Amino acid sequence: MKEQGILFILSGPSGVGKGTVRKQLFNQDPNLKYSISMTTREPRIGEKDGIDYFYRSREHFKDLIKKDAFIEHAQYVNNYYGTPKEYVENMLSLGHDVFLEIEVQGALQVKQNYEKGIFIFLLPPSLEDLKTRILRRGTESEQLVLDRLSEARKEIEMMEEYDYVVVNDNVHHAVDKIKSIIQSEHCKRERVAKQYKQLLEVE
C-alpha cells in the first residue's frame, strides 16, 4: 500500500538560504518533489522560467487568484507569489513528499488552508549574517536590502507558528536536520496507524 505523501513547507526570511538548502536536500532524496512557485517579480540573473519560478504578469496572476488556483498566494515587497494547487495535490496522492519553498506570509496562509502540512522555519544565525548574505547576491539596491531586513525582523517573530526551526549556520548541517524531520514525520504513530488500519479493513 502506497503511503500518502507529506506536504513540507520550508520558509524563512529572504536571503536565509532556502533555495540552497532545498536544492541540496533534493539532490539527496529522489522522492521529494518541488512545487515551483509562481511570481510577478523579474527573474534574477541565471534564473529560468519553469525551473526556479513561473514568471507571470500581475494581470495573469490576479486572474488565477479569482479562479482559486493557488494553495496560497501573498504579496511581498510589491510582488505576488503563489503555489499552484493541482500539482501539489497530484504529487501527494502518488506518494511523493512535496516541498514548498515560500515566504513567511505564504506559509501562514498554507497553514490556514492545509492543516496537515509540516512547517519548517529556516533561521539565520544572526541578522548581521542575513544582511551579508543579501549583499553578497549583488542584485538588490541599498533600500531593498533595508526593506528585507526590516521584514525579516517581523518574520522571525512569527517563528512560533512553525512546527520545527532549523538554524542555517551550515548548509550541510541544515540539510541533515531537515532529513531527520522528514523521517520523523513518516514514523509518527498516527500516520503509521492510519495506514495499517486501512490494511486490516481490506483483509
C-alpha atoms as a PDB file:
ATOM      1  CA  MET A   1       0.000   0.000   0.000  1.00  0.00           C
ATOM      2  CA  LYS A   2       1.445   3.340  -1.081  1.00  0.00           C
ATOM      3  CA  GLU A   3       1.781   5.888   1.689  1.00  0.00           C
ATOM      4  CA  GLN A   4       0.257   9.309   1.112  1.00  0.00           C
ATOM      5  CA  GLY A   5       2.932  11.945   0.638  1.00  0.00           C
ATOM      6  CA  ILE A   6       3.526  14.716   3.160  1.00  0.00           C
ATOM      7  CA  LEU A   7       3.494  18.420   2.396  1.00  0.00           C
ATOM      8  CA  PHE A   8       6.533  20.159   3.914  1.00  0.00           C
ATOM      9  CA  ILE A   9       6.720  23.941   3.981  1.00  0.00           C
ATOM     10  CA  LEU A  10      10.229  25.416   4.123  1.00  0.00           C
ATOM     11  CA  SER A  11      10.090  29.083   4.962  1.00  0.00           C
ATOM     12  CA  GLY A  12      12.094  31.913   6.456  1.00  0.00           C
ATOM     13  CA  PRO A  13      13.376  35.421   5.720  1.00  0.00           C
ATOM     14  CA  SER A  14      14.541  36.383   2.247  1.00  0.00           C
ATOM     15  CA  GLY A  15      18.266  35.679   1.919  1.00  0.00           C
ATOM     16  CA  VAL A  16      18.401  32.975   4.611  1.00  0.00           C
ATOM     17  CA  GLY A  17      19.364  30.312   2.067  1.00  0.00           C
ATOM     18  CA  LYS A  18      16.083  28.484   1.458  1.00  0.00           C
ATOM     19  CA  GLY A  19      16.908  27.773  -2.177  1.00  0.00           C
ATOM     20  CA  THR A  20      20.416  26.493  -1.468  1.00  0.00           C
ATOM     21  CA  VAL A  21      19.223  24.182   1.314  1.00  0.00           C
ATOM     22  CA  ARG A  22      16.288  22.910  -0.727  1.00  0.00           C
ATOM     23  CA  LYS A  23      18.433  22.116  -3.793  1.00  0.00           C
ATOM     24  CA  GLN A  24      20.978  20.150  -1.754  1.00  0.00           C
ATOM     25  CA  LEU A  25      18.193  18.300   0.044  1.00  0.00           C
ATOM     26  CA  PHE A  26      16.632  17.303  -3.285  1.00  0.00           C
ATOM     27  CA  ASN A  27      19.976  16.005  -4.566  1.00  0.00           C
ATOM     28  CA  GLN A  28      19.957  13.530  -1.673  1.00  0.00           C
ATOM     29  CA  ASP A  29      16.290  12.474  -1.673  1.00  0.00           C
ATOM     30  CA  PRO A  30      14.754  11.491  -5.053  1.00  0.00           C
ATOM     31  CA  ASN A  31      11.275  11.014  -3.538  1.00  0.00           C
ATOM     32  CA  LEU A  32      10.921  14.732  -2.869  1.00  0.00           C
ATOM     33  CA  LYS A  33       9.025  16.876  -5.338  1.00  0.00           C
ATOM     34  CA  TYR A  34       9.445  20.627  -5.561  1.00  0.00           C
ATOM     35  CA  SER A  35       6.363  22.704  -6.154  1.00  0.00           C
ATOM     36  CA  ILE A  36       7.536  25.581  -8.312  1.00  0.00           C
ATOM     37  CA  SER A  37       6.018  28.842  -7.167  1.00  0.00           C
ATOM     38  CA  MET A  38       4.594  31.492  -9.444  1.00  0.00           C
ATOM     39  CA  THR A  39       5.673  35.124  -9.109  1.00  0.00           C
ATOM     40  CA  THR A  40       5.292  38.516 -10.723  1.00  0.00           C
ATOM     41  CA  ARG A  41       8.855  39.603  -9.915  1.00  0.00           C
ATOM     42  CA  GLU A  42      11.529  39.770 -12.607  1.00  0.00           C
ATOM     43  CA  PRO A  43      13.945  36.804 -12.894  1.00  0.00           C
ATOM     44  CA  ARG A  44      17.354  37.248 -11.283  1.00  0.00           C
ATOM     45  CA  ILE A  45      20.489  36.502 -13.288  1.00  0.00           C
ATOM     46  CA  GLY A  46      20.672  32.771 -14.010  1.00  0.00           C
ATOM     47  CA  GLU A  47      17.057  32.006 -13.076  1.00  0.00           C
ATOM     48  CA  LYS A  48      14.825  30.247 -15.603  1.00  0.00           C
ATOM     49  CA  ASP A  49      11.073  30.205 -16.101  1.00  0.00           C
ATOM     50  CA  GLY A  50       9.566  26.842 -15.159  1.00  0.00           C
ATOM     51  CA  ILE A  51      12.606  25.842 -13.105  1.00  0.00           C
ATOM     52  CA  ASP A  52      13.116  28.493 -10.416  1.00  0.00           C
ATOM     53  CA  TYR A  53       9.674  30.108 -10.707  1.00  0.00           C
ATOM     54  CA  PHE A  54       6.838  30.526 -13.158  1.00  0.00           C
ATOM     55  CA  TYR A  55       7.200  34.202 -14.072  1.00  0.00           C
ATOM     56  CA  ARG A  56       3.851  35.800 -14.930  1.00  0.00           C
ATOM     57  CA  SER A  57       2.352  39.267 -15.295  1.00  0.00           C
ATOM     58  CA  ARG A  58       0.353  40.843 -12.475  1.00  0.00           C
ATOM     59  CA  GLU A  59      -2.792  40.649 -14.628  1.00  0.00           C
ATOM     60  CA  HIS A  60      -2.349  36.909 -15.227  1.00  0.00           C
ATOM     61  CA  PHE A  61      -1.649  36.283 -11.543  1.00  0.00           C
ATOM     62  CA  LYS A  62      -4.728  38.196 -10.382  1.00  0.00           C
ATOM     63  CA  ASP A  63      -6.882  36.219 -12.806  1.00  0.00           C
ATOM     64  CA  LEU A  64      -5.622  32.948 -11.280  1.00  0.00           C
ATOM     65  CA  ILE A  65      -6.399  34.237  -7.781  1.00  0.00           C
ATOM     66  CA  LYS A  66     -10.012  34.742  -8.856  1.00  0.00           C
ATOM     67  CA  LYS A  67     -10.077  31.150 -10.128  1.00  0.00           C
ATOM     68  CA  ASP A  68      -8.822  29.830  -6.725  1.00  0.00           C
ATOM     69  CA  ALA A  69      -5.847  28.190  -8.447  1.00  0.00           C
ATOM     70  CA  PHE A  70      -3.391  28.579  -5.532  1.00  0.00           C
ATOM     71  CA  ILE A  71      -2.851  26.784  -2.224  1.00  0.00           C
ATOM     72  CA  GLU A  72      -1.502  30.134  -1.109  1.00  0.00           C
ATOM     73  CA  HIS A  73      -0.646  33.480  -2.549  1.00  0.00           C
ATOM     74  CA  ALA A  74       0.876  36.577  -0.995  1.00  0.00           C
ATOM     75  CA  GLN A  75       2.226  39.994  -1.854  1.00  0.00           C
ATOM     76  CA  TYR A  76       5.816  40.517  -0.731  1.00  0.00           C
ATOM     77  CA  VAL A  77       7.898  43.668  -1.394  1.00  0.00           C
ATOM     78  CA  ASN A  78       5.490  44.768  -4.174  1.00  0.00           C
ATOM     79  CA  ASN A  79       5.389  41.390  -5.948  1.00  0.00           C
ATOM     80  CA  TYR A  80       2.963  38.458  -5.871  1.00  0.00           C
ATOM     81  CA  TYR A  81       3.956  34.866  -5.088  1.00  0.00           C
ATOM     82  CA  GLY A  82       1.737  31.780  -5.185  1.00  0.00           C
ATOM     83  CA  THR A  83       1.736  27.965  -5.100  1.00  0.00           C
ATOM     84  CA  PRO A  84      -0.273  26.186  -7.847  1.00  0.00           C
ATOM     85  CA  LYS A  85      -2.787  23.813  -6.241  1.00  0.00           C
ATOM     86  CA  GLU A  86      -3.153  20.998  -8.786  1.00  0.00           C
ATOM     87  CA  TYR A  87       0.498  19.926  -8.879  1.00  0.00           C
ATOM     88  CA  VAL A  88       0.748  19.616  -5.092  1.00  0.00           C
ATOM     89  CA  GLU A  89      -2.380  17.509  -4.753  1.00  0.00           C
ATOM     90  CA  ASN A  90      -1.362  15.159  -7.579  1.00  0.00           C
ATOM     91  CA  MET A  91       2.125  14.524  -6.171  1.00  0.00           C
ATOM     92  CA  LEU A  92       0.839  13.834  -2.647  1.00  0.00           C
ATOM     93  CA  SER A  93      -1.686  11.307  -3.956  1.00  0.00           C
ATOM     94  CA  LEU A  94       1.135   9.490  -5.780  1.00  0.00           C
ATOM     95  CA  GLY A  95       3.057   9.109  -2.518  1.00  0.00           C
ATOM     96  CA  HIS A  96       5.643  11.818  -3.083  1.00  0.00           C
ATOM     97  CA  ASP A  97       6.624  14.286  -0.384  1.00  0.00           C
ATOM     98  CA  VAL A  98       6.181  17.824  -1.671  1.00  0.00           C
ATOM     99  CA  PHE A  99       8.327  20.741  -0.538  1.00  0.00           C
ATOM    100  CA  LEU A 100       7.113  24.300  -0.758  1.00  0.00           C
ATOM    101  CA  GLU A 101       9.880  26.885  -0.518  1.00  0.00           C
ATOM    102  CA  ILE A 102       7.965  30.063   0.182  1.00  0.00           C
ATOM    103  CA  GLU A 103       7.983  33.352   2.069  1.00  0.00           C
ATOM    104  CA  VAL A 104       6.536  33.575   5.569  1.00  0.00           C
ATOM    105  CA  GLN A 105       3.258  35.224   4.542  1.00  0.00           C
ATOM    106  CA  GLY A 106       2.569  32.393   2.137  1.00  0.00           C
ATOM    107  CA  ALA A 107       3.470  29.750   4.698  1.00  0.00           C
ATOM    108  CA  LEU A 108       0.982  31.134   7.216  1.00  0.00           C
ATOM    109  CA  GLN A 109      -1.705  31.127   4.543  1.00  0.00           C
ATOM    110  CA  VAL A 110      -0.972  27.457   3.758  1.00  0.00           C
ATOM    111  CA  LYS A 111      -1.346  26.724   7.467  1.00  0.00           C
ATOM    112  CA  GLN A 112      -4.873  28.102   7.349  1.00  0.00           C
ATOM    113  CA  ASN A 113      -5.776  26.123   4.214  1.00  0.00           C
ATOM    114  CA  TYR A 114      -3.889  22.841   4.774  1.00  0.00           C
ATOM    115  CA  GLU A 115      -3.707  21.715   8.392  1.00  0.00           C
ATOM    116  CA  LYS A 116      -1.711  18.553   7.603  1.00  0.00           C
ATOM    117  CA  GLY A 117       1.313  20.467   6.336  1.00  0.00           C
ATOM    118  CA  ILE A 118       4.599  20.307   8.272  1.00  0.00           C
ATOM    119  CA  PHE A 119       6.117  23.751   8.739  1.00  0.00           C
ATOM    120  CA  ILE A 120       9.884  24.300   8.957  1.00  0.00           C
ATOM    121  CA  PHE A 121      11.345  27.742   9.693  1.00  0.00           C
ATOM    122  CA  LEU A 122      14.874  28.331   8.375  1.00  0.00           C
ATOM    123  CA  LEU A 123      16.559  30.804  10.696  1.00  0.00           C
ATOM    124  CA  PRO A 124      19.743  32.827  10.039  1.00  0.00           C
ATOM    125  CA  PRO A 125      22.477  32.689  12.714  1.00  0.00           C
ATOM    126  CA  SER A 126      22.028  36.471  13.126  1.00  0.00           C
ATOM    127  CA  LEU A 127      20.564  39.480  11.327  1.00  0.00           C
ATOM    128  CA  GLU A 128      24.100  40.639  10.517  1.00  0.00           C
ATOM    129  CA  ASP A 129      24.749  37.309   8.808  1.00  0.00           C
ATOM    130  CA  LEU A 130      21.478  37.707   6.895  1.00  0.00           C
ATOM    131  CA  LYS A 131      22.494  41.185   5.738  1.00  0.00           C
ATOM    132  CA  THR A 132      25.834  39.830   4.481  1.00  0.00           C
ATOM    133  CA  ARG A 133      24.064  37.084   2.503  1.00  0.00           C
ATOM    134  CA  ILE A 134      21.694  39.541   0.844  1.00  0.00           C
ATOM    135  CA  LEU A 135      24.523  41.940  -0.041  1.00  0.00           C
ATOM    136  CA  ARG A 136      26.530  39.045  -1.476  1.00  0.00           C
ATOM    137  CA  ARG A 137      23.820  38.497  -4.083  1.00  0.00           C
ATOM    138  CA  GLY A 138      24.605  41.880  -5.597  1.00  0.00           C
ATOM    139  CA  THR A 139      21.112  42.064  -7.078  1.00  0.00           C
ATOM    140  CA  GLU A 140      19.308  44.334  -4.582  1.00  0.00           C
ATOM    141  CA  SER A 141      19.556  48.086  -4.106  1.00  0.00           C
ATOM    142  CA  GLU A 142      20.559  49.504  -0.710  1.00  0.00           C
ATOM    143  CA  GLN A 143      16.951  50.434   0.025  1.00  0.00           C
ATOM    144  CA  LEU A 144      15.693  46.963  -0.874  1.00  0.00           C
ATOM    145  CA  VAL A 145      18.279  45.399   1.456  1.00  0.00           C
ATOM    146  CA  LEU A 146      16.995  47.583   4.290  1.00  0.00           C
ATOM    147  CA  ASP A 147      13.402  46.643   3.420  1.00  0.00           C
ATOM    148  CA  ARG A 148      14.246  42.929   3.504  1.00  0.00           C
ATOM    149  CA  LEU A 149      15.997  43.215   6.889  1.00  0.00           C
ATOM    150  CA  SER A 150      13.033  45.097   8.328  1.00  0.00           C
ATOM    151  CA  GLU A 151      10.699  42.403   7.029  1.00  0.00           C
ATOM    152  CA  ALA A 152      12.984  39.679   8.413  1.00  0.00           C
ATOM    153  CA  ARG A 153      12.633  41.046  11.946  1.00  0.00           C
ATOM    154  CA  LYS A 154       8.846  40.770  11.687  1.00  0.00           C
ATOM    155  CA  GLU A 155       9.052  37.284  10.188  1.00  0.00           C
ATOM    156  CA  ILE A 156      11.327  35.922  12.913  1.00  0.00           C
ATOM    157  CA  GLU A 157       8.684  36.966  15.440  1.00  0.00           C
ATOM    158  CA  MET A 158       6.268  34.596  13.644  1.00  0.00           C
ATOM    159  CA  MET A 159       8.538  31.604  14.282  1.00  0.00           C
ATOM    160  CA  GLU A 160       6.158  30.245  16.933  1.00  0.00           C
ATOM    161  CA  GLU A 161       3.665  29.370  14.181  1.00  0.00           C
ATOM    162  CA  TYR A 162       6.003  26.645  12.855  1.00  0.00           C
ATOM    163  CA  ASP A 163       6.488  23.004  13.822  1.00  0.00           C
ATOM    164  CA  TYR A 164      10.294  22.992  13.527  1.00  0.00           C
ATOM    165  CA  VAL A 165      13.115  25.563  13.493  1.00  0.00           C
ATOM    166  CA  VAL A 166      16.430  24.902  11.740  1.00  0.00           C
ATOM    167  CA  VAL A 167      19.322  27.377  12.024  1.00  0.00           C
ATOM    168  CA  ASN A 168      21.149  27.658   8.698  1.00  0.00           C
ATOM    169  CA  ASP A 169      24.652  28.246  10.040  1.00  0.00           C
ATOM    170  CA  ASN A 170      25.960  25.486   7.771  1.00  0.00           C
ATOM    171  CA  VAL A 171      24.126  24.164   4.705  1.00  0.00           C
ATOM    172  CA  HIS A 172      25.148  20.514   5.247  1.00  0.00           C
ATOM    173  CA  HIS A 173      24.035  20.578   8.877  1.00  0.00           C
ATOM    174  CA  ALA A 174      20.733  22.258   7.971  1.00  0.00           C
ATOM    175  CA  VAL A 175      20.020  19.619   5.304  1.00  0.00           C
ATOM    176  CA  ASP A 176      20.783  16.782   7.733  1.00  0.00           C
ATOM    177  CA  LYS A 177      18.361  18.235  10.274  1.00  0.00           C
ATOM    178  CA  ILE A 178      15.596  18.571   7.698  1.00  0.00           C
ATOM    179  CA  LYS A 179      16.154  14.954   6.554  1.00  0.00           C
ATOM    180  CA  SER A 180      15.705  13.894  10.180  1.00  0.00           C
ATOM    181  CA  ILE A 181      12.443  15.854  10.351  1.00  0.00           C
ATOM    182  CA  ILE A 182      11.156  14.083   7.220  1.00  0.00           C
ATOM    183  CA  GLN A 183      11.992  10.646   8.663  1.00  0.00           C
ATOM    184  CA  SER A 184      10.429  11.529  11.988  1.00  0.00           C
ATOM    185  CA  GLU A 185       7.171  12.634  10.381  1.00  0.00           C
ATOM    186  CA  HIS A 186       6.861   9.414   8.386  1.00  0.00           C
ATOM    187  CA  CYS A 187       7.291   7.394  11.590  1.00  0.00           C
ATOM    188  CA  LYS A 188       4.646   9.215  13.618  1.00  0.00           C
ATOM    189  CA  ARG A 189       2.203   6.842  15.244  1.00  0.00           C
ATOM    190  CA  GLU A 190      -0.950   8.452  13.879  1.00  0.00           C
ATOM    191  CA  ARG A 191       0.373   8.305  10.314  1.00  0.00           C
ATOM    192  CA  VAL A 192       1.504   4.654  10.509  1.00  0.00           C
ATOM    193  CA  ALA A 193      -1.607   3.569  12.420  1.00  0.00           C
ATOM    194  CA  LYS A 194      -3.874   5.047   9.757  1.00  0.00           C
ATOM    195  CA  GLN A 195      -2.101   3.036   7.037  1.00  0.00           C
ATOM    196  CA  TYR A 196      -2.338  -0.261   8.892  1.00  0.00           C
ATOM    197  CA  LYS A 197      -5.947   0.329   9.873  1.00  0.00           C
ATOM    198  CA  GLN A 198      -6.785   0.535   6.185  1.00  0.00           C
ATOM    199  CA  LEU A 199      -4.877  -2.700   5.532  1.00  0.00           C
ATOM    200  CA  LEU A 200      -6.815  -4.526   8.264  1.00  0.00           C
ATOM    201  CA  GLU A 201     -10.100  -3.285   6.851  1.00  0.00           C
ATOM    202  CA  VAL A 202      -9.173  -4.720   3.444  1.00  0.00           C
ATOM    203  CA  GLU A 203      -8.428  -8.155   4.956  1.00  0.00           C
END
